[in-house]
Structure formats: structure tokens, C-alpha cells
Amino acid sequence: MKNLYLNPLYLFGYAFLAAMGMYALSLSGLYVNGDSTLTITLFILSVLSLMLGFIFDSIFRAKMNSELKYGEYDKFLTPNYIFILLGFFVDCLASGAVPLFNILRGDLYEYKDFGLKTFHVFYMAYMSAFSIVSFERYFITKNKKFLLPVLTGLAIR
């Protein structure tokens, strides 16, 4: 059961199926009804992801259940965390302000005006992946130092 939640292929499939189920309930009037092509595409991708997750688990189950060397994770934590902080600093310099401070002051703030356009897309994807991997490492090791990137990622987003 543990692998069900740690396998990103399962997470992708279940997350999109759950989101499509919630969307089908029409709980909000903010989102207009999309065309069926998008729904079919997301459904096919979700089912494909679940099938690939099953294949991945059946092939790599023994390797995943073997003893992991957690010390190898430690050497990448600090450089990645520094990159996350520097990336946020670069985005703040490019936009001329820290978004949270703008909001607290009551200034007009639009997300599309924040950061370097191409860098910000790469940076947010990298930060999201690093936060998820760090949370997985915390979940496995129960070492609280892996929570710092997770909390930082949540605060920056």
C-alpha cells in the first residue's frame, strides 16, 4: 500500500481522476464547461498513467523494497535548497518586489507580472518537484530536515 502513494504515476492518475470527478459535480460557476476532447484526453492519460504505474511497480517492486541508502539524499539537499532560495530572490529582483509584502500592504498585485517569464516556469516546476521529493524523503526517513524545503516551497508558491 505504501508504494501506491509514493509512485508518481499513481499520484498523477488518481489526482486527475479525482479532479475530473469533482469538476463534474459543477460545484463552482467559475469554470465554464470544457469540450469533451479535453476530458477524454485527461481520462486516457490518467488511465495510461495508472497502467504504467502498475507495470513500474511489478518490475521494480523488489528494488524499491530493498534497503535504501539515505545518506545519498543528504548531499543534494543543501545545494537544491540554496537554488530554491536564489531562484526566488532572482524572481523578486526581476519584478521589483516580494509578492507577499505587496499583498499585505494592499498594493495591486498580478501573478503574471512576477518574475522572469521563462525562468519562472522552469523554477516553479523544479521547486514543486523538489518539494514533493523532499516530502517523500521525510515520509520515509522521518528526518525533519527534509521538511524545510517542503515548507519553503509552500510559502513561496
Protein backbone atom coordinates (compact mmCIF):
# COMPACT_ATOMS: atom_id res chain seq x y z
CA MET A 1 0.00 0.00 0.00
CA LYS A 2 2.94 2.33 0.67
CA ASN A 3 4.01 2.23 -2.99
CA LEU A 4 0.54 3.28 -4.06
CA TYR A 5 1.18 6.76 -2.68
CA LEU A 6 4.90 7.08 -3.44
CA ASN A 7 4.62 6.16 -7.10
CA PRO A 8 4.23 9.41 -9.09
CA LEU A 9 2.42 7.58 -11.87
CA TYR A 10 -0.31 6.56 -9.43
CA LEU A 11 -0.42 10.08 -7.99
CA PHE A 12 -0.88 11.63 -11.43
CA GLY A 13 -3.63 9.21 -12.40
CA TYR A 14 -5.59 9.43 -9.16
CA ALA A 15 -5.19 13.21 -8.88
CA PHE A 16 -6.58 13.89 -12.35
CA LEU A 17 -9.38 11.35 -11.99
CA ALA A 18 -10.36 12.92 -8.65
CA ALA A 19 -10.17 16.43 -10.12
CA MET A 20 -12.31 15.41 -13.10
CA GLY A 21 -14.82 13.82 -10.71
CA MET A 22 -15.01 16.98 -8.61
CA TYR A 23 -15.26 19.13 -11.74
CA ALA A 24 -18.18 17.01 -12.97
CA LEU A 25 -20.12 17.90 -9.82
CA SER A 26 -20.29 21.55 -11.03
CA LEU A 27 -19.70 22.93 -7.55
CA SER A 28 -18.42 26.25 -8.86
CA GLY A 29 -19.67 28.62 -11.50
CA LEU A 30 -16.15 29.96 -12.08
CA TYR A 31 -15.21 27.31 -14.61
CA VAL A 32 -17.07 27.03 -17.87
CA ASN A 33 -17.80 23.63 -19.31
CA GLY A 34 -14.89 22.50 -21.44
CA ASP A 35 -15.18 20.44 -24.53
CA SER A 36 -15.25 16.67 -24.37
CA THR A 37 -11.86 16.42 -26.11
CA LEU A 38 -10.08 17.73 -23.02
CA THR A 39 -11.99 15.39 -20.72
CA ILE A 40 -11.30 12.36 -22.91
CA THR A 41 -7.61 13.27 -23.21
CA LEU A 42 -7.20 13.67 -19.45
CA PHE A 43 -9.09 10.45 -18.81
CA ILE A 44 -6.92 8.49 -21.27
CA LEU A 45 -3.73 10.00 -19.80
CA SER A 46 -4.89 9.15 -16.27
CA VAL A 47 -5.72 5.54 -17.13
CA LEU A 48 -2.45 5.21 -19.05
CA SER A 49 -0.57 6.61 -16.05
CA LEU A 50 -2.24 4.11 -13.71
CA MET A 51 -1.37 1.23 -16.05
CA LEU A 52 2.25 2.41 -16.31
CA GLY A 53 2.34 2.70 -12.52
CA PHE A 54 1.24 -0.92 -12.22
CA ILE A 55 3.91 -2.01 -14.71
CA PHE A 56 6.53 0.07 -12.91
CA ASP A 57 5.59 -1.49 -9.56
CA SER A 58 5.67 -5.03 -10.92
CA ILE A 59 9.11 -4.56 -12.50
CA PHE A 60 10.80 -2.52 -9.75
CA ARG A 61 8.99 -3.71 -6.59
CA ALA A 62 11.95 -5.75 -5.30
CA LYS A 63 14.38 -2.90 -5.90
CA MET A 64 12.08 -0.37 -4.22
CA ASN A 65 11.61 -2.59 -1.18
CA SER A 66 15.35 -3.18 -0.76
CA GLU A 67 17.36 -1.16 1.70
CA LEU A 68 17.82 2.43 0.55
CA LYS A 69 20.95 4.42 1.27
CA TYR A 70 19.53 7.56 2.84
CA GLY A 71 22.92 9.23 3.19
CA GLU A 72 22.98 9.74 -0.56
CA TYR A 73 19.96 12.02 -0.29
CA ASP A 74 21.68 14.33 2.18
CA LYS A 75 24.39 15.59 -0.17
CA PHE A 76 21.82 17.03 -2.58
CA LEU A 77 19.59 18.72 -0.01
CA THR A 78 21.65 21.86 0.67
CA PRO A 79 22.58 22.74 -2.95
CA ASN A 80 18.98 22.27 -4.10
CA TYR A 81 17.64 24.31 -1.20
CA ILE A 82 20.11 27.13 -1.97
CA PHE A 83 18.98 27.04 -5.62
CA ILE A 84 15.34 27.38 -4.49
CA LEU A 85 16.15 30.42 -2.35
CA LEU A 86 18.32 32.03 -5.05
CA GLY A 87 15.63 31.42 -7.66
CA PHE A 88 13.05 33.18 -5.52
CA PHE A 89 15.50 36.05 -4.96
CA VAL A 90 16.05 36.37 -8.74
CA ASP A 91 12.29 36.40 -9.37
CA CYS A 92 11.80 39.07 -6.71
CA LEU A 93 14.60 41.21 -8.17
CA ALA A 94 13.11 40.92 -11.66
CA SER A 95 9.66 42.02 -10.50
CA GLY A 96 10.96 44.60 -8.03
CA ALA A 97 9.00 43.34 -5.02
CA VAL A 98 8.11 40.38 -2.86
CA PRO A 99 4.52 39.32 -3.69
CA LEU A 100 3.52 38.61 -0.08
CA PHE A 101 4.63 42.07 1.01
CA ASN A 102 2.65 43.65 -1.86
CA ILE A 103 -0.48 41.82 -0.79
CA LEU A 104 -0.02 42.70 2.89
CA ARG A 105 0.46 46.39 2.01
CA GLY A 106 -2.70 46.29 -0.09
CA ASP A 107 -0.86 47.04 -3.33
CA LEU A 108 -2.24 45.79 -6.60
CA TYR A 109 -0.50 42.51 -7.45
CA GLU A 110 -0.84 40.33 -10.51
CA TYR A 111 0.90 36.97 -10.65
CA LYS A 112 1.57 37.25 -14.38
CA ASP A 113 3.84 40.24 -13.72
CA PHE A 114 6.04 38.35 -11.25
CA GLY A 115 9.50 37.02 -12.09
CA LEU A 116 11.44 36.31 -15.23
CA LYS A 117 8.98 34.69 -17.61
CA THR A 118 10.94 31.68 -18.89
CA PHE A 119 12.99 31.18 -15.72
CA HIS A 120 9.91 31.33 -13.51
CA VAL A 121 8.21 28.46 -15.35
CA PHE A 122 11.30 26.26 -15.01
CA TYR A 123 11.88 27.38 -11.44
CA MET A 124 8.32 26.66 -10.25
CA ALA A 125 8.36 23.20 -11.82
CA TYR A 126 11.75 22.46 -10.24
CA MET A 127 10.66 23.79 -6.85
CA SER A 128 7.46 21.76 -6.94
CA ALA A 129 9.32 18.56 -7.81
CA PHE A 130 11.97 19.23 -5.15
CA SER A 131 9.30 19.87 -2.52
CA ILE A 132 7.48 16.64 -3.38
CA VAL A 133 10.70 14.60 -3.34
CA SER A 134 11.72 16.19 -0.02
CA PHE A 135 8.34 15.34 1.48
CA GLU A 136 8.70 11.76 0.26
CA ARG A 137 12.14 11.60 1.88
CA TYR A 138 10.69 12.95 5.13
CA PHE A 139 7.86 10.43 4.90
CA ILE A 140 10.34 7.56 4.52
CA THR A 141 13.08 8.69 6.93
CA LYS A 142 11.10 10.82 9.43
CA ASN A 143 14.08 13.20 9.36
CA LYS A 144 12.73 16.72 9.90
CA LYS A 145 15.43 18.42 7.85
CA PHE A 146 13.55 17.32 4.73
CA LEU A 147 10.53 19.38 5.81
CA LEU A 148 12.36 22.71 5.34
CA PRO A 149 12.24 22.59 1.50
CA VAL A 150 8.61 21.47 1.68
CA LEU A 151 7.59 24.39 3.89
CA THR A 152 9.68 26.83 1.85
CA GLY A 153 8.07 25.59 -1.36
CA LEU A 154 4.61 26.04 0.13
CA ALA A 155 5.46 29.54 1.36
CA ILE A 156 6.90 30.67 -1.98
CA ARG A 157 4.05 29.31 -4.06
